[in-house]
């Protein structure tokens, strides 16, 4: 099922599904957000987008914050979660401080998270993470392939995407005074 495409307030910055999928594939890290003990929390996470399932996989240790959210929310029904992937571009100076801007690209997905119980699916989710973050390394050659007992020691979470939105702000390459934050630190 294709996620419901939500559009941001600024329609001129809204992106289509192909753009959303591309950012989900190339994004470095994400921020996972949920509610724990009645309070919002966010955690940085590496993630892998699975276009076949319209889902995102993350992992963590049993007993960690994500695991606590899953236990509190009831893993069978799925726990509401949001995941944000973003890239920061150049900073855009202006004559007035409140008019300064920034280039960016972002995707927000929301959906239900479930703890993956099936060992084969959990291994597939972990393998997607390896393929994304270590594409230059080969299982069986550069590292020992994922073992069944290792899969049992980690918590693999799948977020089934229900909605997504993407937006982007960019300016011309010759925007007056535009600069990269890393260059002025």
C-alpha atoms as a PDB file:
ATOM      1  CA  UNK A   1       0.000   0.000   0.000  1.00  0.00           C
ATOM      2  CA  UNK A   2       1.424   3.379  -0.985  1.00  0.00           C
ATOM      3  CA  UNK A   3       1.639   5.797   1.958  1.00  0.00           C
ATOM      4  CA  UNK A   4      -0.744   8.729   2.111  1.00  0.00           C
ATOM      5  CA  UNK A   5       1.111  11.704   0.641  1.00  0.00           C
ATOM      6  CA  UNK A   6       0.779  14.739   2.912  1.00  0.00           C
ATOM      7  CA  UNK A   7       1.826  18.102   1.577  1.00  0.00           C
ATOM      8  CA  UNK A   8       3.490  20.781   3.722  1.00  0.00           C
ATOM      9  CA  UNK A   9       1.971  24.208   4.288  1.00  0.00           C
ATOM     10  CA  UNK A  10       4.290  25.692   1.668  1.00  0.00           C
ATOM     11  CA  UNK A  11       3.029  23.929  -1.468  1.00  0.00           C
ATOM     12  CA  UNK A  12       5.888  25.432  -3.492  1.00  0.00           C
ATOM     13  CA  UNK A  13       8.326  23.311  -1.446  1.00  0.00           C
ATOM     14  CA  UNK A  14       6.358  20.056  -1.581  1.00  0.00           C
ATOM     15  CA  UNK A  15       8.079  17.143  -3.284  1.00  0.00           C
ATOM     16  CA  UNK A  16       6.683  14.124  -5.123  1.00  0.00           C
ATOM     17  CA  UNK A  17       6.922  10.461  -4.137  1.00  0.00           C
ATOM     18  CA  UNK A  18       9.967   9.738  -6.315  1.00  0.00           C
ATOM     19  CA  UNK A  19      11.858  12.547  -4.556  1.00  0.00           C
ATOM     20  CA  UNK A  20      10.720  11.267  -1.133  1.00  0.00           C
ATOM     21  CA  UNK A  21      11.916   7.749  -1.941  1.00  0.00           C
ATOM     22  CA  UNK A  22      15.275   9.075  -3.177  1.00  0.00           C
ATOM     23  CA  UNK A  23      15.911  11.013   0.048  1.00  0.00           C
ATOM     24  CA  UNK A  24      14.875   8.011   2.153  1.00  0.00           C
ATOM     25  CA  UNK A  25      17.444   5.919   0.248  1.00  0.00           C
ATOM     26  CA  UNK A  26      20.335   8.386   0.441  1.00  0.00           C
ATOM     27  CA  UNK A  27      19.759   9.995   3.855  1.00  0.00           C
ATOM     28  CA  UNK A  28      22.562   9.462   6.354  1.00  0.00           C
ATOM     29  CA  UNK A  29      20.661   9.436   9.636  1.00  0.00           C
ATOM     30  CA  UNK A  30      17.167   9.968  10.953  1.00  0.00           C
ATOM     31  CA  UNK A  31      15.446  11.146  14.088  1.00  0.00           C
ATOM     32  CA  UNK A  32      12.945   8.655  15.491  1.00  0.00           C
ATOM     33  CA  UNK A  33      10.166  10.209  17.585  1.00  0.00           C
ATOM     34  CA  UNK A  34       7.525   8.623  19.798  1.00  0.00           C
ATOM     35  CA  UNK A  35       5.914   8.940  23.217  1.00  0.00           C
ATOM     36  CA  UNK A  36       7.243   7.161  26.316  1.00  0.00           C
ATOM     37  CA  UNK A  37       5.593   7.422  29.725  1.00  0.00           C
ATOM     38  CA  UNK A  38       3.356  10.173  28.337  1.00  0.00           C
ATOM     39  CA  UNK A  39       6.329  12.282  27.220  1.00  0.00           C
ATOM     40  CA  UNK A  40       7.665  12.868  23.726  1.00  0.00           C
ATOM     41  CA  UNK A  41      11.181  11.728  22.979  1.00  0.00           C
ATOM     42  CA  UNK A  42      13.460  11.585  19.962  1.00  0.00           C
ATOM     43  CA  UNK A  43      16.486   9.449  19.203  1.00  0.00           C
ATOM     44  CA  UNK A  44      19.021   9.638  16.380  1.00  0.00           C
ATOM     45  CA  UNK A  45      19.119   6.414  14.411  1.00  0.00           C
ATOM     46  CA  UNK A  46      20.647   4.885  11.353  1.00  0.00           C
ATOM     47  CA  UNK A  47      17.897   3.365   9.263  1.00  0.00           C
ATOM     48  CA  UNK A  48      17.168   1.481   6.050  1.00  0.00           C
ATOM     49  CA  UNK A  49      14.219   2.139   3.760  1.00  0.00           C
ATOM     50  CA  UNK A  50      12.595  -0.952   2.253  1.00  0.00           C
ATOM     51  CA  UNK A  51      10.655   0.182  -0.837  1.00  0.00           C
ATOM     52  CA  UNK A  52       9.093  -3.260  -1.300  1.00  0.00           C
ATOM     53  CA  UNK A  53       7.360  -3.065   2.090  1.00  0.00           C
ATOM     54  CA  UNK A  54       6.992   0.745   2.233  1.00  0.00           C
ATOM     55  CA  UNK A  55       8.740   0.455   5.581  1.00  0.00           C
ATOM     56  CA  UNK A  56      11.795   1.639   7.475  1.00  0.00           C
ATOM     57  CA  UNK A  57      13.976  -0.620   9.629  1.00  0.00           C
ATOM     58  CA  UNK A  58      15.924   0.499  12.693  1.00  0.00           C
ATOM     59  CA  UNK A  59      17.576  -1.550  15.388  1.00  0.00           C
ATOM     60  CA  UNK A  60      18.689  -1.201  18.953  1.00  0.00           C
ATOM     61  CA  UNK A  61      19.449  -3.062  22.127  1.00  0.00           C
ATOM     62  CA  UNK A  62      16.722  -4.753  24.111  1.00  0.00           C
ATOM     63  CA  UNK A  63      15.839  -2.561  27.073  1.00  0.00           C
ATOM     64  CA  UNK A  64      16.816   0.668  25.295  1.00  0.00           C
ATOM     65  CA  UNK A  65      14.455   3.610  24.797  1.00  0.00           C
ATOM     66  CA  UNK A  66      12.999   2.246  21.571  1.00  0.00           C
ATOM     67  CA  UNK A  67      12.366  -1.102  23.237  1.00  0.00           C
ATOM     68  CA  UNK A  68      10.626   0.622  26.144  1.00  0.00           C
ATOM     69  CA  UNK A  69       8.333   2.452  23.720  1.00  0.00           C
ATOM     70  CA  UNK A  70       7.503  -0.822  21.997  1.00  0.00           C
ATOM     71  CA  UNK A  71       6.727  -2.515  25.324  1.00  0.00           C
ATOM     72  CA  UNK A  72       4.580   0.385  26.534  1.00  0.00           C
ATOM     73  CA  UNK A  73       2.690   0.715  23.262  1.00  0.00           C
ATOM     74  CA  UNK A  74       1.850  -2.917  22.712  1.00  0.00           C
ATOM     75  CA  UNK A  75       3.879  -4.273  19.830  1.00  0.00           C
ATOM     76  CA  UNK A  76       1.026  -6.314  18.348  1.00  0.00           C
ATOM     77  CA  UNK A  77      -1.107  -3.330  17.346  1.00  0.00           C
ATOM     78  CA  UNK A  78       1.879  -1.245  16.353  1.00  0.00           C
ATOM     79  CA  UNK A  79       3.184   1.808  18.121  1.00  0.00           C
ATOM     80  CA  UNK A  80       2.748   5.247  16.503  1.00  0.00           C
ATOM     81  CA  UNK A  81       6.142   6.627  15.505  1.00  0.00           C
ATOM     82  CA  UNK A  82       7.551   9.343  13.297  1.00  0.00           C
ATOM     83  CA  UNK A  83      10.873   9.370  11.512  1.00  0.00           C
ATOM     84  CA  UNK A  84      12.493  12.478  10.058  1.00  0.00           C
ATOM     85  CA  UNK A  85      15.341  12.438   7.543  1.00  0.00           C
ATOM     86  CA  UNK A  86      16.896  15.768   6.622  1.00  0.00           C
ATOM     87  CA  UNK A  87      19.826  17.402   4.890  1.00  0.00           C
ATOM     88  CA  UNK A  88      21.045  20.910   5.578  1.00  0.00           C
ATOM     89  CA  UNK A  89      22.262  23.029   2.689  1.00  0.00           C
ATOM     90  CA  UNK A  90      23.771  26.498   2.628  1.00  0.00           C
ATOM     91  CA  UNK A  91      22.887  29.298   4.987  1.00  0.00           C
ATOM     92  CA  UNK A  92      21.271  32.266   3.278  1.00  0.00           C
ATOM     93  CA  UNK A  93      22.079  35.683   4.751  1.00  0.00           C
ATOM     94  CA  UNK A  94      19.750  38.665   4.466  1.00  0.00           C
ATOM     95  CA  UNK A  95      19.729  42.351   5.422  1.00  0.00           C
ATOM     96  CA  UNK A  96      17.587  41.568   8.496  1.00  0.00           C
ATOM     97  CA  UNK A  97      18.393  38.831  11.021  1.00  0.00           C
ATOM     98  CA  UNK A  98      14.840  37.448  10.945  1.00  0.00           C
ATOM     99  CA  UNK A  99      15.033  37.061   7.166  1.00  0.00           C
ATOM    100  CA  UNK A 100      18.090  34.749   7.222  1.00  0.00           C
ATOM    101  CA  UNK A 101      17.279  31.330   5.767  1.00  0.00           C
ATOM    102  CA  UNK A 102      18.694  27.910   5.128  1.00  0.00           C
ATOM    103  CA  UNK A 103      18.509  25.457   2.277  1.00  0.00           C
ATOM    104  CA  UNK A 104      17.205  22.038   3.287  1.00  0.00           C
ATOM    105  CA  UNK A 105      15.662  18.793   2.163  1.00  0.00           C
ATOM    106  CA  UNK A 106      13.491  16.745   4.514  1.00  0.00           C
ATOM    107  CA  UNK A 107      11.142  13.801   4.650  1.00  0.00           C
ATOM    108  CA  UNK A 108       8.764  13.032   7.494  1.00  0.00           C
ATOM    109  CA  UNK A 109       7.199   9.594   7.691  1.00  0.00           C
ATOM    110  CA  UNK A 110       4.645   8.448  10.222  1.00  0.00           C
ATOM    111  CA  UNK A 111       3.387   4.972  10.816  1.00  0.00           C
ATOM    112  CA  UNK A 112       3.068   2.049  13.150  1.00  0.00           C
ATOM    113  CA  UNK A 113       6.195   0.417  14.512  1.00  0.00           C
ATOM    114  CA  UNK A 114       6.360  -3.265  15.321  1.00  0.00           C
ATOM    115  CA  UNK A 115       9.151  -5.313  16.799  1.00  0.00           C
ATOM    116  CA  UNK A 116      10.103  -7.868  14.165  1.00  0.00           C
ATOM    117  CA  UNK A 117       9.578 -11.356  15.583  1.00  0.00           C
ATOM    118  CA  UNK A 118      10.308 -13.372  12.435  1.00  0.00           C
ATOM    119  CA  UNK A 119      14.063 -14.170  12.419  1.00  0.00           C
ATOM    120  CA  UNK A 120      14.247 -14.118   8.606  1.00  0.00           C
ATOM    121  CA  UNK A 121      12.656 -10.670   8.391  1.00  0.00           C
ATOM    122  CA  UNK A 122      14.856  -9.386  11.234  1.00  0.00           C
ATOM    123  CA  UNK A 123      17.948 -10.639   9.409  1.00  0.00           C
ATOM    124  CA  UNK A 124      16.717  -9.001   6.195  1.00  0.00           C
ATOM    125  CA  UNK A 125      16.236  -5.678   8.020  1.00  0.00           C
ATOM    126  CA  UNK A 126      19.740  -5.895   9.473  1.00  0.00           C
ATOM    127  CA  UNK A 127      21.156  -6.851   6.069  1.00  0.00           C
ATOM    128  CA  UNK A 128      19.484  -3.767   4.531  1.00  0.00           C
ATOM    129  CA  UNK A 129      21.315  -1.672   7.142  1.00  0.00           C
ATOM    130  CA  UNK A 130      24.631  -3.362   6.268  1.00  0.00           C
ATOM    131  CA  UNK A 131      24.073  -2.838   2.538  1.00  0.00           C
ATOM    132  CA  UNK A 132      23.304   0.836   3.086  1.00  0.00           C
ATOM    133  CA  UNK A 133      26.071   1.724   5.538  1.00  0.00           C
ATOM    134  CA  UNK A 134      28.791  -0.679   4.394  1.00  0.00           C
ATOM    135  CA  UNK A 135      28.149  -1.113   0.655  1.00  0.00           C
ATOM    136  CA  UNK A 136      31.875  -1.472   0.003  1.00  0.00           C
ATOM    137  CA  UNK A 137      32.149  -4.500   2.304  1.00  0.00           C
ATOM    138  CA  UNK A 138      31.028  -8.032   1.484  1.00  0.00           C
ATOM    139  CA  UNK A 139      29.510 -10.553   3.895  1.00  0.00           C
ATOM    140  CA  UNK A 140      31.684 -13.652   4.138  1.00  0.00           C
ATOM    141  CA  UNK A 141      34.714 -11.784   2.838  1.00  0.00           C
ATOM    142  CA  UNK A 142      35.111  -8.578   4.854  1.00  0.00           C
ATOM    143  CA  UNK A 143      32.988  -9.589   7.848  1.00  0.00           C
ATOM    144  CA  UNK A 144      31.245 -12.636   9.202  1.00  0.00           C
ATOM    145  CA  UNK A 145      27.655 -12.810   7.899  1.00  0.00           C
ATOM    146  CA  UNK A 146      24.801 -12.167  10.326  1.00  0.00           C
ATOM    147  CA  UNK A 147      24.256 -15.243  12.494  1.00  0.00           C
ATOM    148  CA  UNK A 148      20.875 -16.431  13.798  1.00  0.00           C
ATOM    149  CA  UNK A 149      21.973 -16.142  17.431  1.00  0.00           C
ATOM    150  CA  UNK A 150      23.040 -12.536  16.814  1.00  0.00           C
ATOM    151  CA  UNK A 151      19.648 -11.659  15.365  1.00  0.00           C
ATOM    152  CA  UNK A 152      18.091 -12.949  18.595  1.00  0.00           C
ATOM    153  CA  UNK A 153      20.251 -10.494  20.619  1.00  0.00           C
ATOM    154  CA  UNK A 154      19.109  -7.318  18.903  1.00  0.00           C
ATOM    155  CA  UNK A 155      15.793  -5.540  18.628  1.00  0.00           C
ATOM    156  CA  UNK A 156      14.772  -4.938  15.021  1.00  0.00           C
ATOM    157  CA  UNK A 157      11.928  -2.467  14.571  1.00  0.00           C
ATOM    158  CA  UNK A 158       9.928  -2.046  11.367  1.00  0.00           C
ATOM    159  CA  UNK A 159       7.955   1.137  10.865  1.00  0.00           C
ATOM    160  CA  UNK A 160       5.185   0.536   8.356  1.00  0.00           C
ATOM    161  CA  UNK A 161       4.814   3.905   6.657  1.00  0.00           C
ATOM    162  CA  UNK A 162       1.272   5.267   6.684  1.00  0.00           C
ATOM    163  CA  UNK A 163       1.989   8.871   5.651  1.00  0.00           C
ATOM    164  CA  UNK A 164       4.926  10.748   4.224  1.00  0.00           C
ATOM    165  CA  UNK A 165       5.785  14.218   3.090  1.00  0.00           C
ATOM    166  CA  UNK A 166       8.846  15.772   1.551  1.00  0.00           C
ATOM    167  CA  UNK A 167       9.929  19.347   1.166  1.00  0.00           C
ATOM    168  CA  UNK A 168      12.937  21.218  -0.082  1.00  0.00           C
ATOM    169  CA  UNK A 169      14.220  24.755  -0.182  1.00  0.00           C
ATOM    170  CA  UNK A 170      17.062  25.659  -2.513  1.00  0.00           C
ATOM    171  CA  UNK A 171      18.336  28.885  -4.006  1.00  0.00           C
ATOM    172  CA  UNK A 172      20.439  29.672  -7.065  1.00  0.00           C
ATOM    173  CA  UNK A 173      24.124  28.797  -6.888  1.00  0.00           C
ATOM    174  CA  UNK A 174      24.956  32.511  -7.026  1.00  0.00           C
ATOM    175  CA  UNK A 175      22.678  33.514  -4.113  1.00  0.00           C
ATOM    176  CA  UNK A 176      24.441  36.561  -2.591  1.00  0.00           C
ATOM    177  CA  UNK A 177      26.530  35.610   0.430  1.00  0.00           C
ATOM    178  CA  UNK A 178      25.305  31.997   0.700  1.00  0.00           C
ATOM    179  CA  UNK A 179      27.723  29.855   2.693  1.00  0.00           C
ATOM    180  CA  UNK A 180      28.166  26.421   4.214  1.00  0.00           C
ATOM    181  CA  UNK A 181      28.073  26.268   8.021  1.00  0.00           C
ATOM    182  CA  UNK A 182      31.105  23.942   8.101  1.00  0.00           C
ATOM    183  CA  UNK A 183      33.129  26.655   6.357  1.00  0.00           C
ATOM    184  CA  UNK A 184      32.582  29.258   9.086  1.00  0.00           C
ATOM    185  CA  UNK A 185      32.792  27.182  12.244  1.00  0.00           C
END
